[in-house]
Structure formats: structure tokens, C-alpha cells
Amino acid sequence: MPAVQRVITTPAAQALIELLRERHGAIYFYQSHGCCDGSTPMLFAPGEMPIAADDVLFATVHGVPFWAGRTQADYMQGTQLTLDVGQGSLGTMSLENEEGVYFRTRTRLWNDEESAWLAAHPLT
């Protein structure tokens, strides 16, 4: 079985990632610590928000690291995230805010084969 992707993107999210990478250079996502499905992933340039010792590299999305706190990563492990774009500003410090849009996630439960692959390839 090919590697399971913990985070995938819609075409709109991929286009926005490419635009922001061209504009800002190196960028990275950080999944907020929200308690609910759909918590906001935020996009930063290096140095805007430090990665903590207990943060986990959850995925890489189109060459962009996608970080989460250990507790949030553990919570999200049961689902695949689909990164999408919503219209309007959430007023966050995330780089896409200046575009009048925001990144958002939807989730999908893993099937048995995907769950088995993930169990054999845990996050570190």
C-alpha cells in the first residue's frame, strides 16, 4: 500500500499555498488547539511562531510542513484532514488573512487498511 497522506488539499488550498509560498518563501502550517472538528490551521513564515519541543510534524503538504501540538496530533490521528479555503477573514495572524480567505479542515475516518498502515508508521 502507498503511504497514507494524513493531510490532503483541495485545488483551492493548493493554489493558495503556492501563491503564499511565492510571496513569503518558506512557510509552515500549525494546527490550532481547537477542541472541535474544523479547528483553524494557521500559516506562518519562520520565526513568527516558534515550534515547541512537544509539537509534532503531522504531515507535509505540497512541500510545506504541517505542525500540531502533541495532544492535537493525537486527537487528529483517527482522521484524514482535507485542507480547504473559506471566504472571508477570521482576523487571525495567519498569512492568508491578507487575501480575505482562511484555511479550514474537514475530516474523514480512516478505513481498516489505512488504519493498519498508520499503526505501522506512527508519528514521532
C-alpha atoms as a PDB file:
ATOM      1  CA  MET A   1       0.000   0.000   0.000  1.00  0.00           C
ATOM      2  CA  PRO A   2       1.325   3.502  -0.801  1.00  0.00           C
ATOM      3  CA  ALA A   3       1.940   5.942   2.041  1.00  0.00           C
ATOM      4  CA  VAL A   4      -1.234   7.270   3.602  1.00  0.00           C
ATOM      5  CA  GLN A   5      -1.499  11.058   3.464  1.00  0.00           C
ATOM      6  CA  ARG A   6      -2.605  12.479   6.806  1.00  0.00           C
ATOM      7  CA  VAL A   7      -3.439  15.821   5.164  1.00  0.00           C
ATOM      8  CA  ILE A   8      -4.665  16.361   1.605  1.00  0.00           C
ATOM      9  CA  THR A   9      -5.740  19.561  -0.144  1.00  0.00           C
ATOM     10  CA  THR A  10      -8.459  20.814  -2.390  1.00  0.00           C
ATOM     11  CA  PRO A  11      -7.363  22.571  -5.609  1.00  0.00           C
ATOM     12  CA  ALA A  12      -8.228  25.939  -3.989  1.00  0.00           C
ATOM     13  CA  ALA A  13      -5.994  25.204  -0.992  1.00  0.00           C
ATOM     14  CA  GLN A  14      -3.140  24.050  -3.209  1.00  0.00           C
ATOM     15  CA  ALA A  15      -3.357  27.237  -5.299  1.00  0.00           C
ATOM     16  CA  LEU A  16      -3.380  29.414  -2.173  1.00  0.00           C
ATOM     17  CA  ILE A  17      -0.395  27.545  -0.724  1.00  0.00           C
ATOM     18  CA  GLU A  18       1.561  28.144  -3.938  1.00  0.00           C
ATOM     19  CA  LEU A  19       0.624  31.849  -4.003  1.00  0.00           C
ATOM     20  CA  LEU A  20       1.682  32.351  -0.396  1.00  0.00           C
ATOM     21  CA  ARG A  21       4.902  30.376  -0.822  1.00  0.00           C
ATOM     22  CA  GLU A  22       5.832  32.580  -3.813  1.00  0.00           C
ATOM     23  CA  ARG A  23       5.089  35.678  -1.756  1.00  0.00           C
ATOM     24  CA  HIS A  24       6.644  34.671   1.568  1.00  0.00           C
ATOM     25  CA  GLY A  25       9.204  31.962   0.771  1.00  0.00           C
ATOM     26  CA  ALA A  26       9.475  29.297   3.460  1.00  0.00           C
ATOM     27  CA  ILE A  27       6.144  28.817   5.239  1.00  0.00           C
ATOM     28  CA  TYR A  28       4.585  26.273   7.599  1.00  0.00           C
ATOM     29  CA  PHE A  29       1.172  25.312   8.934  1.00  0.00           C
ATOM     30  CA  TYR A  30       0.303  24.997  12.582  1.00  0.00           C
ATOM     31  CA  GLN A  31      -2.979  23.327  13.506  1.00  0.00           C
ATOM     32  CA  SER A  32      -4.663  25.331  16.230  1.00  0.00           C
ATOM     33  CA  HIS A  33      -5.550  23.643  19.504  1.00  0.00           C
ATOM     34  CA  GLY A  34      -9.283  23.940  18.986  1.00  0.00           C
ATOM     35  CA  CYS A  35     -11.459  21.312  20.574  1.00  0.00           C
ATOM     36  CA  CYS A  36     -13.673  20.638  17.583  1.00  0.00           C
ATOM     37  CA  ASP A  37     -13.582  19.292  14.048  1.00  0.00           C
ATOM     38  CA  GLY A  38     -12.693  22.159  11.727  1.00  0.00           C
ATOM     39  CA  SER A  39     -10.269  23.960  14.041  1.00  0.00           C
ATOM     40  CA  THR A  40      -8.321  26.518  12.078  1.00  0.00           C
ATOM     41  CA  PRO A  41      -4.949  25.619  10.589  1.00  0.00           C
ATOM     42  CA  MET A  42      -2.763  28.719  10.511  1.00  0.00           C
ATOM     43  CA  LEU A  43       0.069  29.511   8.105  1.00  0.00           C
ATOM     44  CA  PHE A  44       3.223  31.273   9.248  1.00  0.00           C
ATOM     45  CA  ALA A  45       6.616  32.349   7.979  1.00  0.00           C
ATOM     46  CA  PRO A  46       9.573  31.010  10.011  1.00  0.00           C
ATOM     47  CA  GLY A  47      10.103  32.945  13.223  1.00  0.00           C
ATOM     48  CA  GLU A  48       6.515  34.200  13.502  1.00  0.00           C
ATOM     49  CA  MET A  49       5.571  31.456  15.949  1.00  0.00           C
ATOM     50  CA  PRO A  50       8.175  29.110  17.393  1.00  0.00           C
ATOM     51  CA  ILE A  51       7.693  25.362  17.204  1.00  0.00           C
ATOM     52  CA  ALA A  52       7.726  23.922  20.744  1.00  0.00           C
ATOM     53  CA  ALA A  53       9.524  20.779  21.887  1.00  0.00           C
ATOM     54  CA  ASP A  54       6.227  18.864  22.180  1.00  0.00           C
ATOM     55  CA  ASP A  55       4.987  19.862  18.705  1.00  0.00           C
ATOM     56  CA  VAL A  56       4.774  17.126  16.079  1.00  0.00           C
ATOM     57  CA  LEU A  57       5.368  17.266  12.342  1.00  0.00           C
ATOM     58  CA  PHE A  58       1.965  15.830  11.447  1.00  0.00           C
ATOM     59  CA  ALA A  59       2.366  15.955   7.652  1.00  0.00           C
ATOM     60  CA  THR A  60       3.960  17.762   4.751  1.00  0.00           C
ATOM     61  CA  VAL A  61       1.513  19.369   2.329  1.00  0.00           C
ATOM     62  CA  HIS A  62       2.887  20.309  -1.107  1.00  0.00           C
ATOM     63  CA  GLY A  63       6.312  20.709   0.460  1.00  0.00           C
ATOM     64  CA  VAL A  64       5.007  22.761   3.397  1.00  0.00           C
ATOM     65  CA  PRO A  65       5.395  21.347   6.937  1.00  0.00           C
ATOM     66  CA  PHE A  66       2.122  20.891   8.847  1.00  0.00           C
ATOM     67  CA  TRP A  67       2.754  21.001  12.617  1.00  0.00           C
ATOM     68  CA  ALA A  68       0.459  20.319  15.552  1.00  0.00           C
ATOM     69  CA  GLY A  69       0.819  20.104  19.301  1.00  0.00           C
ATOM     70  CA  ARG A  70       1.172  16.510  20.560  1.00  0.00           C
ATOM     71  CA  THR A  71      -2.293  16.489  22.157  1.00  0.00           C
ATOM     72  CA  GLN A  72      -3.920  17.879  18.998  1.00  0.00           C
ATOM     73  CA  ALA A  73      -1.963  15.438  16.796  1.00  0.00           C
ATOM     74  CA  ASP A  74      -3.096  12.519  18.963  1.00  0.00           C
ATOM     75  CA  TYR A  75      -6.694  13.752  18.647  1.00  0.00           C
ATOM     76  CA  MET A  76      -6.421  14.051  14.846  1.00  0.00           C
ATOM     77  CA  GLN A  77      -4.781  10.654  14.234  1.00  0.00           C
ATOM     78  CA  GLY A  78      -8.101   8.910  13.689  1.00  0.00           C
ATOM     79  CA  THR A  79      -8.945  11.008  10.644  1.00  0.00           C
ATOM     80  CA  GLN A  80      -7.565  12.330   7.399  1.00  0.00           C
ATOM     81  CA  LEU A  81      -7.661  16.123   7.144  1.00  0.00           C
ATOM     82  CA  THR A  82      -8.720  17.831   3.937  1.00  0.00           C
ATOM     83  CA  LEU A  83      -7.314  21.337   3.804  1.00  0.00           C
ATOM     84  CA  ASP A  84      -9.675  23.755   2.051  1.00  0.00           C
ATOM     85  CA  VAL A  85     -10.239  27.504   1.747  1.00  0.00           C
ATOM     86  CA  GLY A  86     -13.129  29.527   3.158  1.00  0.00           C
ATOM     87  CA  GLN A  87     -14.159  33.016   2.072  1.00  0.00           C
ATOM     88  CA  GLY A  88     -13.810  35.925   4.444  1.00  0.00           C
ATOM     89  CA  SER A  89     -11.358  36.874   7.129  1.00  0.00           C
ATOM     90  CA  LEU A  90     -11.174  35.262  10.551  1.00  0.00           C
ATOM     91  CA  GLY A  91      -8.933  38.057  11.794  1.00  0.00           C
ATOM     92  CA  THR A  92      -6.091  35.672  12.589  1.00  0.00           C
ATOM     93  CA  MET A  93      -2.345  36.191  12.236  1.00  0.00           C
ATOM     94  CA  SER A  94      -2.263  33.528   9.525  1.00  0.00           C
ATOM     95  CA  LEU A  95      -0.638  34.627   6.240  1.00  0.00           C
ATOM     96  CA  GLU A  96      -3.749  34.056   4.116  1.00  0.00           C
ATOM     97  CA  ASN A  97      -5.750  36.571   6.168  1.00  0.00           C
ATOM     98  CA  GLU A  98      -4.476  39.400   3.941  1.00  0.00           C
ATOM     99  CA  GLU A  99      -6.143  37.634   0.980  1.00  0.00           C
ATOM    100  CA  GLY A 100      -9.592  37.787   2.613  1.00  0.00           C
ATOM    101  CA  VAL A 101      -9.748  33.989   2.924  1.00  0.00           C
ATOM    102  CA  TYR A 102      -8.846  31.367   5.517  1.00  0.00           C
ATOM    103  CA  PHE A 103      -7.705  27.771   5.600  1.00  0.00           C
ATOM    104  CA  ARG A 104     -10.084  25.255   7.146  1.00  0.00           C
ATOM    105  CA  THR A 105     -10.120  21.493   7.534  1.00  0.00           C
ATOM    106  CA  ARG A 106     -12.658  18.741   7.109  1.00  0.00           C
ATOM    107  CA  THR A 107     -12.101  15.208   8.343  1.00  0.00           C
ATOM    108  CA  ARG A 108     -12.678  11.673   7.104  1.00  0.00           C
ATOM    109  CA  LEU A 109     -12.314   8.492   9.169  1.00  0.00           C
ATOM    110  CA  TRP A 110      -9.659   6.007   8.042  1.00  0.00           C
ATOM    111  CA  ASN A 111     -10.622   2.669   6.543  1.00  0.00           C
ATOM    112  CA  ASP A 112      -9.132  -0.557   8.006  1.00  0.00           C
ATOM    113  CA  GLU A 113      -6.258  -0.745   5.505  1.00  0.00           C
ATOM    114  CA  GLU A 114      -5.280   2.882   6.111  1.00  0.00           C
ATOM    115  CA  SER A 115      -5.506   2.393   9.880  1.00  0.00           C
ATOM    116  CA  ALA A 116      -3.160  -0.591   9.647  1.00  0.00           C
ATOM    117  CA  TRP A 117      -0.626   1.427   7.611  1.00  0.00           C
ATOM    118  CA  LEU A 118      -0.761   4.294  10.099  1.00  0.00           C
ATOM    119  CA  ALA A 119      -0.293   1.918  13.044  1.00  0.00           C
ATOM    120  CA  ALA A 120       2.888   0.682  11.366  1.00  0.00           C
ATOM    121  CA  HIS A 121       4.067   4.273  10.722  1.00  0.00           C
ATOM    122  CA  PRO A 122       3.345   6.252  13.892  1.00  0.00           C
ATOM    123  CA  LEU A 123       4.122   9.931  14.330  1.00  0.00           C
ATOM    124  CA  THR A 124       7.368  10.597  16.145  1.00  0.00           C
END
